[in-house]
Amino acid sequence: MEYVKNEFNIKDLEALSGVKAHTIRIWEKRYHILKPERTDTNIRVYDTKALQRLLNIAFLNENGYKISRISKLKNDEIDKLTHEIRTANNAENRAIKAFFVSMYNFDHSLFLNTYNALLEKMTFQEIYEEVFIPMLKQIGDLWQTNTVKPAHEHFISHLIRQKLFSNIEKLQIEPAFNKEKIFILFLPNNEIHDIGLLYLQYSLLSLGYKVVYLGHSIPLEDLTSFASQDKLVYFVSVFTIKPESPETYLKEFYDKILANGDSNRFQLALLGLKTKALNIEDLPPQINIYENPTTFIRSI
């Protein structure tokens, strides 16, 4: 499996451990905590065992242990001490670390066992907001260092989607009881990042609303069929990498859908990275931007 990363440079270690490359070099020189191999061009190269050792050392250092003391411990002593402290720490941080290990090793069993252990103490909503969201943010940050490859991100995202689908299905069994509003969830053409939209579906269903989930790459023309609804219609979308020009897209959306209906009856709610560049003051009153799913849910 050529895409499994098993060699790391010092920048990779910095990104994964949170320890600055300069500090890692000092620790190597002064305390000999790592013994990297070197390429023909004298670049440090580290294997997975070195990464794991550094992660444990960084963890102990963050928990008050001086590097001078840690450097005198054997590997098994470092592992044991790390395990003892992690056991005492909160479940969310331990779970995120376990999920990262499952991602790098493509380990379904570790993911499922970690998830099921969390489920004994937390609701699915708490797991998603307190564990999955911080983890996905970290994965996004690691993209910039090329430490996380598409295969890793796709693997963990698929498993999270599975959990979203199973929890959504449980809620869909019961009929909607908040009937004054209907939510149409969609992504624009060529937008494929649907985890945020799936979580919105779960959240809205849990509140008893009727939700129509259309998924990704929906043409605007397909949305005009909802104009005949006699209740308040919320169109909801997440702009992560598309559309290329949100301003142009929203003007077309307004002309084709919002302008042709009762302004008090049609709303468009937007979330996602692509909305950050939009000026809310330039948008029609029917279009609103929300920082995250929680702020949107609280507004309805």
C-alpha atoms as a PDB file:
ATOM      1  CA  MET A   1       0.000   0.000   0.000  1.00  0.00           C
ATOM      2  CA  GLU A   2       2.184   2.800  -1.295  1.00  0.00           C
ATOM      3  CA  TYR A   3       0.020   5.538   0.159  1.00  0.00           C
ATOM      4  CA  VAL A   4       0.590   4.475   3.779  1.00  0.00           C
ATOM      5  CA  LYS A   5       2.973   7.057   5.188  1.00  0.00           C
ATOM      6  CA  ASN A   6       5.784   5.383   7.125  1.00  0.00           C
ATOM      7  CA  GLU A   7       8.575   7.940   6.778  1.00  0.00           C
ATOM      8  CA  PHE A   8       8.405  11.455   8.137  1.00  0.00           C
ATOM      9  CA  ASN A   9      10.558  14.540   7.886  1.00  0.00           C
ATOM     10  CA  ILE A  10      11.009  16.948  10.753  1.00  0.00           C
ATOM     11  CA  LYS A  11       8.211  19.220   9.514  1.00  0.00           C
ATOM     12  CA  ASP A  12       5.828  16.249   9.609  1.00  0.00           C
ATOM     13  CA  LEU A  13       6.844  15.585  13.206  1.00  0.00           C
ATOM     14  CA  GLU A  14       6.293  19.251  14.049  1.00  0.00           C
ATOM     15  CA  ALA A  15       2.781  19.185  12.554  1.00  0.00           C
ATOM     16  CA  LEU A  16       1.761  15.940  14.239  1.00  0.00           C
ATOM     17  CA  SER A  17       3.288  16.492  17.674  1.00  0.00           C
ATOM     18  CA  GLY A  18       2.926  20.237  18.083  1.00  0.00           C
ATOM     19  CA  VAL A  19       6.620  20.442  19.006  1.00  0.00           C
ATOM     20  CA  LYS A  20       8.549  23.005  16.954  1.00  0.00           C
ATOM     21  CA  ALA A  21      11.196  21.623  14.615  1.00  0.00           C
ATOM     22  CA  HIS A  22      13.798  23.794  16.359  1.00  0.00           C
ATOM     23  CA  THR A  23      12.885  22.220  19.715  1.00  0.00           C
ATOM     24  CA  ILE A  24      13.020  18.694  18.266  1.00  0.00           C
ATOM     25  CA  ARG A  25      16.559  19.387  17.027  1.00  0.00           C
ATOM     26  CA  ILE A  26      17.595  20.655  20.464  1.00  0.00           C
ATOM     27  CA  TRP A  27      16.065  17.602  22.164  1.00  0.00           C
ATOM     28  CA  GLU A  28      17.939  15.341  19.745  1.00  0.00           C
ATOM     29  CA  LYS A  29      21.268  17.071  20.247  1.00  0.00           C
ATOM     30  CA  ARG A  30      21.085  17.604  23.998  1.00  0.00           C
ATOM     31  CA  TYR A  31      19.028  14.647  25.213  1.00  0.00           C
ATOM     32  CA  HIS A  32      19.303  12.126  22.348  1.00  0.00           C
ATOM     33  CA  ILE A  33      15.581  11.399  22.454  1.00  0.00           C
ATOM     34  CA  LEU A  34      15.499  10.447  18.742  1.00  0.00           C
ATOM     35  CA  LYS A  35      18.024   8.945  16.378  1.00  0.00           C
ATOM     36  CA  PRO A  36      16.888   9.779  12.838  1.00  0.00           C
ATOM     37  CA  GLU A  37      18.254   8.278   9.687  1.00  0.00           C
ATOM     38  CA  ARG A  38      19.666  10.705   7.153  1.00  0.00           C
ATOM     39  CA  THR A  39      19.236  10.851   3.398  1.00  0.00           C
ATOM     40  CA  ASP A  40      22.072  11.267   0.922  1.00  0.00           C
ATOM     41  CA  THR A  41      21.448  15.007   1.148  1.00  0.00           C
ATOM     42  CA  ASN A  42      21.716  14.899   4.986  1.00  0.00           C
ATOM     43  CA  ILE A  43      17.980  15.409   5.626  1.00  0.00           C
ATOM     44  CA  ARG A  44      16.580  13.843   8.803  1.00  0.00           C
ATOM     45  CA  VAL A  45      14.126  10.983   8.195  1.00  0.00           C
ATOM     46  CA  TYR A  46      12.021   9.396  10.959  1.00  0.00           C
ATOM     47  CA  ASP A  47      10.077   6.131  11.041  1.00  0.00           C
ATOM     48  CA  THR A  48       6.727   5.424  12.724  1.00  0.00           C
ATOM     49  CA  LYS A  49       8.415   4.259  15.939  1.00  0.00           C
ATOM     50  CA  ALA A  50      10.220   7.601  16.208  1.00  0.00           C
ATOM     51  CA  LEU A  51       6.942   9.439  15.606  1.00  0.00           C
ATOM     52  CA  GLN A  52       5.192   7.440  18.332  1.00  0.00           C
ATOM     53  CA  ARG A  53       8.086   8.054  20.749  1.00  0.00           C
ATOM     54  CA  LEU A  54       7.996  11.792  20.074  1.00  0.00           C
ATOM     55  CA  LEU A  55       4.206  11.912  20.514  1.00  0.00           C
ATOM     56  CA  ASN A  56       4.542  10.238  23.905  1.00  0.00           C
ATOM     57  CA  ILE A  57       7.433  12.478  24.951  1.00  0.00           C
ATOM     58  CA  ALA A  58       5.539  15.592  23.895  1.00  0.00           C
ATOM     59  CA  PHE A  59       2.504  14.362  25.806  1.00  0.00           C
ATOM     60  CA  LEU A  60       4.517  13.850  28.993  1.00  0.00           C
ATOM     61  CA  ASN A  61       6.185  17.231  28.575  1.00  0.00           C
ATOM     62  CA  GLU A  62       2.788  18.911  28.213  1.00  0.00           C
ATOM     63  CA  ASN A  63       1.730  17.214  31.438  1.00  0.00           C
ATOM     64  CA  GLY A  64       4.543  18.679  33.511  1.00  0.00           C
ATOM     65  CA  TYR A  65       7.431  16.247  33.021  1.00  0.00           C
ATOM     66  CA  LYS A  66      10.769  17.892  32.213  1.00  0.00           C
ATOM     67  CA  ILE A  67      12.525  16.696  29.091  1.00  0.00           C
ATOM     68  CA  SER A  68      15.683  16.030  31.109  1.00  0.00           C
ATOM     69  CA  ARG A  69      13.763  13.486  33.204  1.00  0.00           C
ATOM     70  CA  ILE A  70      11.909  11.940  30.257  1.00  0.00           C
ATOM     71  CA  SER A  71      15.157  11.409  28.346  1.00  0.00           C
ATOM     72  CA  LYS A  72      16.412   9.075  31.113  1.00  0.00           C
ATOM     73  CA  LEU A  73      13.394   6.768  30.815  1.00  0.00           C
ATOM     74  CA  LYS A  74      13.365   3.603  28.730  1.00  0.00           C
ATOM     75  CA  ASN A  75      10.806   3.216  25.952  1.00  0.00           C
ATOM     76  CA  ASP A  76       8.574   0.882  27.956  1.00  0.00           C
ATOM     77  CA  GLU A  77       8.689   3.275  30.919  1.00  0.00           C
ATOM     78  CA  ILE A  78       7.647   6.172  28.671  1.00  0.00           C
ATOM     79  CA  ASP A  79       4.819   4.075  27.222  1.00  0.00           C
ATOM     80  CA  LYS A  80       3.592   3.025  30.663  1.00  0.00           C
ATOM     81  CA  LEU A  81       3.679   6.539  32.090  1.00  0.00           C
ATOM     82  CA  THR A  82       1.935   7.931  29.002  1.00  0.00           C
ATOM     83  CA  HIS A  83      -0.791   5.304  29.289  1.00  0.00           C
ATOM     84  CA  GLU A  84      -1.360   6.065  32.978  1.00  0.00           C
ATOM     85  CA  ILE A  85      -1.757   9.805  32.360  1.00  0.00           C
ATOM     86  CA  ARG A  86      -3.960   9.337  29.314  1.00  0.00           C
ATOM     87  CA  THR A  87      -6.218   7.033  31.283  1.00  0.00           C
ATOM     88  CA  ALA A  88      -6.711   9.830  33.777  1.00  0.00           C
ATOM     89  CA  ASN A  89      -7.365  12.425  31.062  1.00  0.00           C
ATOM     90  CA  ASN A  90     -10.745  13.071  29.460  1.00  0.00           C
ATOM     91  CA  ALA A  91     -12.252  10.557  27.044  1.00  0.00           C
ATOM     92  CA  GLU A  92     -12.540  13.046  24.187  1.00  0.00           C
ATOM     93  CA  ASN A  93      -8.785  13.674  23.858  1.00  0.00           C
ATOM     94  CA  ARG A  94      -8.011   9.980  24.157  1.00  0.00           C
ATOM     95  CA  ALA A  95     -10.590   9.194  21.512  1.00  0.00           C
ATOM     96  CA  ILE A  96      -9.215  11.751  19.048  1.00  0.00           C
ATOM     97  CA  LYS A  97      -5.743  10.255  19.387  1.00  0.00           C
ATOM     98  CA  ALA A  98      -7.163   6.756  18.885  1.00  0.00           C
ATOM     99  CA  PHE A  99      -9.086   7.889  15.809  1.00  0.00           C
ATOM    100  CA  PHE A 100      -5.894   9.372  14.369  1.00  0.00           C
ATOM    101  CA  VAL A 101      -4.121   6.057  14.867  1.00  0.00           C
ATOM    102  CA  SER A 102      -7.020   4.234  13.181  1.00  0.00           C
ATOM    103  CA  MET A 103      -6.806   6.681  10.270  1.00  0.00           C
ATOM    104  CA  TYR A 104      -3.062   6.254   9.706  1.00  0.00           C
ATOM    105  CA  ASN A 105      -3.272   2.470  10.020  1.00  0.00           C
ATOM    106  CA  PHE A 106      -6.578   2.108   8.132  1.00  0.00           C
ATOM    107  CA  ASP A 107      -7.913   0.254  11.165  1.00  0.00           C
ATOM    108  CA  HIS A 108     -11.716  -0.161  11.081  1.00  0.00           C
ATOM    109  CA  SER A 109     -11.795  -2.123  14.329  1.00  0.00           C
ATOM    110  CA  LEU A 110      -9.988   0.553  16.334  1.00  0.00           C
ATOM    111  CA  PHE A 111     -12.357   3.215  15.000  1.00  0.00           C
ATOM    112  CA  LEU A 112     -15.465   1.188  15.879  1.00  0.00           C
ATOM    113  CA  ASN A 113     -14.196   0.116  19.311  1.00  0.00           C
ATOM    114  CA  THR A 114     -13.289   3.714  20.178  1.00  0.00           C
ATOM    115  CA  TYR A 115     -16.647   4.986  18.932  1.00  0.00           C
ATOM    116  CA  ASN A 116     -18.611   2.339  20.870  1.00  0.00           C
ATOM    117  CA  ALA A 117     -16.677   3.132  24.054  1.00  0.00           C
ATOM    118  CA  LEU A 118     -17.597   6.807  23.679  1.00  0.00           C
ATOM    119  CA  LEU A 119     -21.218   5.897  23.046  1.00  0.00           C
ATOM    120  CA  GLU A 120     -21.452   4.345  26.505  1.00  0.00           C
ATOM    121  CA  LYS A 121     -20.900   7.791  28.047  1.00  0.00           C
ATOM    122  CA  MET A 122     -21.969  10.300  25.377  1.00  0.00           C
ATOM    123  CA  THR A 123     -24.803  10.881  22.933  1.00  0.00           C
ATOM    124  CA  PHE A 124     -24.089  10.813  19.203  1.00  0.00           C
ATOM    125  CA  GLN A 125     -24.504  14.594  19.079  1.00  0.00           C
ATOM    126  CA  GLU A 126     -21.899  15.028  21.817  1.00  0.00           C
ATOM    127  CA  ILE A 127     -19.497  12.659  20.037  1.00  0.00           C
ATOM    128  CA  TYR A 128     -19.870  14.543  16.772  1.00  0.00           C
ATOM    129  CA  GLU A 129     -19.470  18.028  18.256  1.00  0.00           C
ATOM    130  CA  GLU A 130     -16.825  17.286  20.901  1.00  0.00           C
ATOM    131  CA  VAL A 131     -14.760  14.643  19.095  1.00  0.00           C
ATOM    132  CA  PHE A 132     -15.439  14.441  15.346  1.00  0.00           C
ATOM    133  CA  ILE A 133     -15.503  18.192  14.658  1.00  0.00           C
ATOM    134  CA  PRO A 134     -12.169  18.933  16.451  1.00  0.00           C
ATOM    135  CA  MET A 135     -10.626  15.899  14.760  1.00  0.00           C
ATOM    136  CA  LEU A 136     -11.805  16.936  11.281  1.00  0.00           C
ATOM    137  CA  LYS A 137     -10.427  20.427  11.900  1.00  0.00           C
ATOM    138  CA  GLN A 138      -7.030  18.967  12.808  1.00  0.00           C
ATOM    139  CA  ILE A 139      -7.090  16.836   9.672  1.00  0.00           C
ATOM    140  CA  GLY A 140      -7.837  19.926   7.608  1.00  0.00           C
ATOM    141  CA  ASP A 141      -4.888  21.738   9.175  1.00  0.00           C
ATOM    142  CA  LEU A 142      -2.579  18.807   8.424  1.00  0.00           C
ATOM    143  CA  TRP A 143      -3.458  18.973   4.720  1.00  0.00           C
ATOM    144  CA  GLN A 144      -1.277  22.067   4.498  1.00  0.00           C
ATOM    145  CA  THR A 145       1.819  20.068   5.464  1.00  0.00           C
ATOM    146  CA  ASN A 146       0.941  17.127   3.215  1.00  0.00           C
ATOM    147  CA  THR A 147       1.027  14.921   6.314  1.00  0.00           C
ATOM    148  CA  VAL A 148      -2.482  13.617   5.697  1.00  0.00           C
ATOM    149  CA  LYS A 149      -3.020  12.045   2.288  1.00  0.00           C
ATOM    150  CA  PRO A 150      -6.363  11.698   0.452  1.00  0.00           C
ATOM    151  CA  ALA A 151      -6.500   8.002   1.324  1.00  0.00           C
ATOM    152  CA  HIS A 152      -6.354   8.815   5.063  1.00  0.00           C
ATOM    153  CA  GLU A 153      -8.985  11.552   4.875  1.00  0.00           C
ATOM    154  CA  HIS A 154     -11.319   9.448   2.724  1.00  0.00           C
ATOM    155  CA  PHE A 155     -10.999   6.485   5.084  1.00  0.00           C
ATOM    156  CA  ILE A 156     -11.930   8.381   8.257  1.00  0.00           C
ATOM    157  CA  SER A 157     -14.593  10.501   6.518  1.00  0.00           C
ATOM    158  CA  HIS A 158     -16.323   7.395   5.206  1.00  0.00           C
ATOM    159  CA  LEU A 159     -16.511   5.914   8.714  1.00  0.00           C
ATOM    160  CA  ILE A 160     -17.948   9.148  10.120  1.00  0.00           C
ATOM    161  CA  ARG A 161     -20.506   9.217   7.301  1.00  0.00           C
ATOM    162  CA  GLN A 162     -21.544   5.675   8.209  1.00  0.00           C
ATOM    163  CA  LYS A 163     -22.322   6.811  11.747  1.00  0.00           C
ATOM    164  CA  LEU A 164     -24.237   9.829  10.455  1.00  0.00           C
ATOM    165  CA  PHE A 165     -26.302   7.666   8.116  1.00  0.00           C
ATOM    166  CA  SER A 166     -27.186   5.144  10.826  1.00  0.00           C
ATOM    167  CA  ASN A 167     -28.276   7.868  13.268  1.00  0.00           C
ATOM    168  CA  ILE A 168     -30.214   9.742  10.579  1.00  0.00           C
ATOM    169  CA  GLU A 169     -32.089   6.572   9.677  1.00  0.00           C
ATOM    170  CA  LYS A 170     -33.200   6.096  13.286  1.00  0.00           C
ATOM    171  CA  LEU A 171     -34.710   9.593  13.302  1.00  0.00           C
ATOM    172  CA  GLN A 172     -36.411   9.195   9.927  1.00  0.00           C
ATOM    173  CA  ILE A 173     -38.612   6.408  11.268  1.00  0.00           C
ATOM    174  CA  GLU A 174     -40.646   8.923  13.262  1.00  0.00           C
ATOM    175  CA  PRO A 175     -42.856  11.451  11.393  1.00  0.00           C
ATOM    176  CA  ALA A 176     -42.042  15.161  11.608  1.00  0.00           C
ATOM    177  CA  PHE A 177     -43.905  17.064  14.327  1.00  0.00           C
ATOM    178  CA  ASN A 178     -42.595  20.608  13.665  1.00  0.00           C
ATOM    179  CA  LYS A 179     -44.589  21.127  10.475  1.00  0.00           C
ATOM    180  CA  GLU A 180     -44.461  24.895   9.993  1.00  0.00           C
ATOM    181  CA  LYS A 181     -41.039  24.721   8.303  1.00  0.00           C
ATOM    182  CA  ILE A 182     -39.377  22.530   5.707  1.00  0.00           C
ATOM    183  CA  PHE A 183     -35.617  22.353   5.117  1.00  0.00           C
ATOM    184  CA  ILE A 184     -34.114  21.631   1.703  1.00  0.00           C
ATOM    185  CA  LEU A 185     -30.482  20.554   2.081  1.00  0.00           C
ATOM    186  CA  PHE A 186     -28.250  20.661  -0.992  1.00  0.00           C
ATOM    187  CA  LEU A 187     -24.744  21.358  -2.273  1.00  0.00           C
ATOM    188  CA  PRO A 188     -23.940  23.355  -5.437  1.00  0.00           C
ATOM    189  CA  ASN A 189     -22.484  21.818  -8.576  1.00  0.00           C
ATOM    190  CA  ASN A 190     -19.110  20.105  -8.030  1.00  0.00           C
ATOM    191  CA  GLU A 191     -19.248  20.536  -4.250  1.00  0.00           C
ATOM    192  CA  ILE A 192     -18.747  17.079  -2.732  1.00  0.00           C
ATOM    193  CA  HIS A 193     -17.936  17.785   0.927  1.00  0.00           C
ATOM    194  CA  ASP A 194     -21.165  16.583   2.512  1.00  0.00           C
ATOM    195  CA  ILE A 195     -20.340  15.694   6.139  1.00  0.00           C
ATOM    196  CA  GLY A 196     -21.450  19.106   7.431  1.00  0.00           C
ATOM    197  CA  LEU A 197     -24.691  18.890   5.475  1.00  0.00           C
ATOM    198  CA  LEU A 198     -25.373  15.372   6.784  1.00  0.00           C
ATOM    199  CA  TYR A 199     -24.920  16.597  10.353  1.00  0.00           C
ATOM    200  CA  LEU A 200     -27.379  19.414   9.677  1.00  0.00           C
ATOM    201  CA  GLN A 201     -29.847  16.788   8.479  1.00  0.00           C
ATOM    202  CA  TYR A 202     -29.374  14.836  11.685  1.00  0.00           C
ATOM    203  CA  SER A 203     -29.774  17.956  13.858  1.00  0.00           C
ATOM    204  CA  LEU A 204     -32.926  19.149  12.096  1.00  0.00           C
ATOM    205  CA  LEU A 205     -34.519  15.702  12.183  1.00  0.00           C
ATOM    206  CA  SER A 206     -33.796  15.459  15.908  1.00  0.00           C
ATOM    207  CA  LEU A 207     -35.847  18.641  16.360  1.00  0.00           C
ATOM    208  CA  GLY A 208     -38.784  17.120  14.506  1.00  0.00           C
ATOM    209  CA  TYR A 209     -38.568  19.099  11.258  1.00  0.00           C
ATOM    210  CA  LYS A 210     -39.266  17.769   7.799  1.00  0.00           C
ATOM    211  CA  VAL A 211     -35.979  17.583   5.917  1.00  0.00           C
ATOM    212  CA  VAL A 212     -35.436  16.931   2.220  1.00  0.00           C
ATOM    213  CA  TYR A 213     -31.807  15.926   1.685  1.00  0.00           C
ATOM    214  CA  LEU A 214     -30.719  16.324  -1.942  1.00  0.00           C
ATOM    215  CA  GLY A 215     -26.964  15.904  -1.542  1.00  0.00           C
ATOM    216  CA  HIS A 216     -24.180  17.226  -3.734  1.00  0.00           C
ATOM    217  CA  SER A 217     -24.044  18.851  -7.193  1.00  0.00           C
ATOM    218  CA  ILE A 218     -27.655  20.009  -7.383  1.00  0.00           C
ATOM    219  CA  PRO A 219     -28.531  22.331 -10.313  1.00  0.00           C
ATOM    220  CA  LEU A 220     -30.451  25.463  -9.353  1.00  0.00           C
ATOM    221  CA  GLU A 221     -33.276  24.531 -11.711  1.00  0.00           C
ATOM    222  CA  ASP A 222     -34.021  21.456  -9.579  1.00  0.00           C
ATOM    223  CA  LEU A 223     -34.694  23.663  -6.562  1.00  0.00           C
ATOM    224  CA  THR A 224     -37.487  25.657  -8.230  1.00  0.00           C
ATOM    225  CA  SER A 225     -39.874  22.724  -7.721  1.00  0.00           C
ATOM    226  CA  PHE A 226     -40.113  23.623  -4.027  1.00  0.00           C
ATOM    227  CA  ALA A 227     -41.665  27.023  -4.783  1.00  0.00           C
ATOM    228  CA  SER A 228     -45.182  25.582  -4.398  1.00  0.00           C
ATOM    229  CA  GLN A 229     -44.704  24.798  -0.709  1.00  0.00           C
ATOM    230  CA  ASP A 230     -47.241  26.551   1.543  1.00  0.00           C
ATOM    231  CA  LYS A 231     -44.917  26.731   4.542  1.00  0.00           C
ATOM    232  CA  LEU A 232     -41.657  28.456   5.404  1.00  0.00           C
ATOM    233  CA  VAL A 233     -38.944  26.952   3.199  1.00  0.00           C
ATOM    234  CA  TYR A 234     -35.307  26.999   4.289  1.00  0.00           C
ATOM    235  CA  PHE A 235     -32.791  26.155   1.600  1.00  0.00           C
ATOM    236  CA  VAL A 236     -29.576  25.159   3.360  1.00  0.00           C
ATOM    237  CA  SER A 237     -26.156  24.699   1.761  1.00  0.00           C
ATOM    238  CA  VAL A 238     -22.485  24.384   2.726  1.00  0.00           C
ATOM    239  CA  PHE A 239     -19.889  26.070   0.497  1.00  0.00           C
ATOM    240  CA  THR A 240     -16.529  24.380   1.168  1.00  0.00           C
ATOM    241  CA  ILE A 241     -14.669  24.540  -2.172  1.00  0.00           C
ATOM    242  CA  LYS A 242     -17.494  25.541  -4.520  1.00  0.00           C
ATOM    243  CA  PRO A 243     -18.933  27.588  -6.124  1.00  0.00           C
ATOM    244  CA  GLU A 244     -15.945  29.351  -7.656  1.00  0.00           C
ATOM    245  CA  SER A 245     -17.721  32.708  -7.346  1.00  0.00           C
ATOM    246  CA  PRO A 246     -20.202  32.646  -4.443  1.00  0.00           C
ATOM    247  CA  GLU A 247     -21.405  36.161  -5.338  1.00  0.00           C
ATOM    248  CA  THR A 248     -22.365  35.130  -8.876  1.00  0.00           C
ATOM    249  CA  TYR A 249     -24.016  31.949  -7.656  1.00  0.00           C
ATOM    250  CA  LEU A 250     -26.089  33.754  -5.036  1.00  0.00           C
ATOM    251  CA  LYS A 251     -27.268  36.356  -7.528  1.00  0.00           C
ATOM    252  CA  GLU A 252     -28.485  33.558  -9.790  1.00  0.00           C
ATOM    253  CA  PHE A 253     -30.072  31.781  -6.828  1.00  0.00           C
ATOM    254  CA  TYR A 254     -31.901  34.945  -5.852  1.00  0.00           C
ATOM    255  CA  ASP A 255     -33.146  35.650  -9.377  1.00  0.00           C
ATOM    256  CA  LYS A 256     -34.342  32.105 -10.060  1.00  0.00           C
ATOM    257  CA  ILE A 257     -35.755  31.138  -6.670  1.00  0.00           C
ATOM    258  CA  LEU A 258     -35.953  33.765  -3.952  1.00  0.00           C
ATOM    259  CA  ALA A 259     -37.198  36.652  -6.115  1.00  0.00           C
ATOM    260  CA  ASN A 260     -40.046  34.543  -7.487  1.00  0.00           C
ATOM    261  CA  GLY A 261     -41.584  33.736  -4.133  1.00  0.00           C
ATOM    262  CA  ASP A 262     -42.879  35.372  -1.008  1.00  0.00           C
ATOM    263  CA  SER A 263     -39.871  37.015   0.654  1.00  0.00           C
ATOM    264  CA  ASN A 264     -41.240  35.990   4.050  1.00  0.00           C
ATOM    265  CA  ARG A 265     -41.574  32.367   3.003  1.00  0.00           C
ATOM    266  CA  PHE A 266     -38.199  31.550   1.396  1.00  0.00           C
ATOM    267  CA  GLN A 267     -34.832  31.663   3.119  1.00  0.00           C
ATOM    268  CA  LEU A 268     -31.323  30.539   2.166  1.00  0.00           C
ATOM    269  CA  ALA A 269     -28.936  29.578   4.976  1.00  0.00           C
ATOM    270  CA  LEU A 270     -25.238  29.243   4.131  1.00  0.00           C
ATOM    271  CA  LEU A 271     -22.301  27.709   5.968  1.00  0.00           C
ATOM    272  CA  GLY A 272     -18.739  26.775   5.026  1.00  0.00           C
ATOM    273  CA  LEU A 273     -15.304  28.210   4.246  1.00  0.00           C
ATOM    274  CA  LYS A 274     -16.364  29.813   0.967  1.00  0.00           C
ATOM    275  CA  THR A 275     -18.819  32.081   2.783  1.00  0.00           C
ATOM    276  CA  LYS A 276     -16.042  33.821   4.742  1.00  0.00           C
ATOM    277  CA  ALA A 277     -15.322  36.209   1.878  1.00  0.00           C
ATOM    278  CA  LEU A 278     -18.961  37.270   1.493  1.00  0.00           C
ATOM    279  CA  ASN A 279     -20.154  40.587   2.869  1.00  0.00           C
ATOM    280  CA  ILE A 280     -23.461  39.971   4.618  1.00  0.00           C
ATOM    281  CA  GLU A 281     -24.482  43.587   4.045  1.00  0.00           C
ATOM    282  CA  ASP A 282     -24.400  43.016   0.277  1.00  0.00           C
ATOM    283  CA  LEU A 283     -26.814  40.077   0.465  1.00  0.00           C
ATOM    284  CA  PRO A 284     -30.623  40.146   0.290  1.00  0.00           C
ATOM    285  CA  PRO A 285     -32.381  39.736   3.665  1.00  0.00           C
ATOM    286  CA  GLN A 286     -33.479  36.208   2.719  1.00  0.00           C
ATOM    287  CA  ILE A 287     -29.855  35.037   2.599  1.00  0.00           C
ATOM    288  CA  ASN A 288     -28.016  34.531   5.869  1.00  0.00           C
ATOM    289  CA  ILE A 289     -24.558  33.208   6.737  1.00  0.00           C
ATOM    290  CA  TYR A 290     -23.866  31.088   9.826  1.00  0.00           C
ATOM    291  CA  GLU A 291     -20.503  30.325  11.394  1.00  0.00           C
ATOM    292  CA  ASN A 292     -21.345  26.709  12.220  1.00  0.00           C
ATOM    293  CA  PRO A 293     -24.307  24.294  12.453  1.00  0.00           C
ATOM    294  CA  THR A 294     -24.935  25.162  16.111  1.00  0.00           C
ATOM    295  CA  THR A 295     -25.480  28.867  15.411  1.00  0.00           C
ATOM    296  CA  PHE A 296     -27.834  28.007  12.546  1.00  0.00           C
ATOM    297  CA  ILE A 297     -29.883  25.555  14.620  1.00  0.00           C
ATOM    298  CA  ARG A 298     -30.229  28.115  17.410  1.00  0.00           C
ATOM    299  CA  SER A 299     -31.516  30.725  14.952  1.00  0.00           C
ATOM    300  CA  ILE A 300     -34.496  28.801  13.594  1.00  0.00           C
END
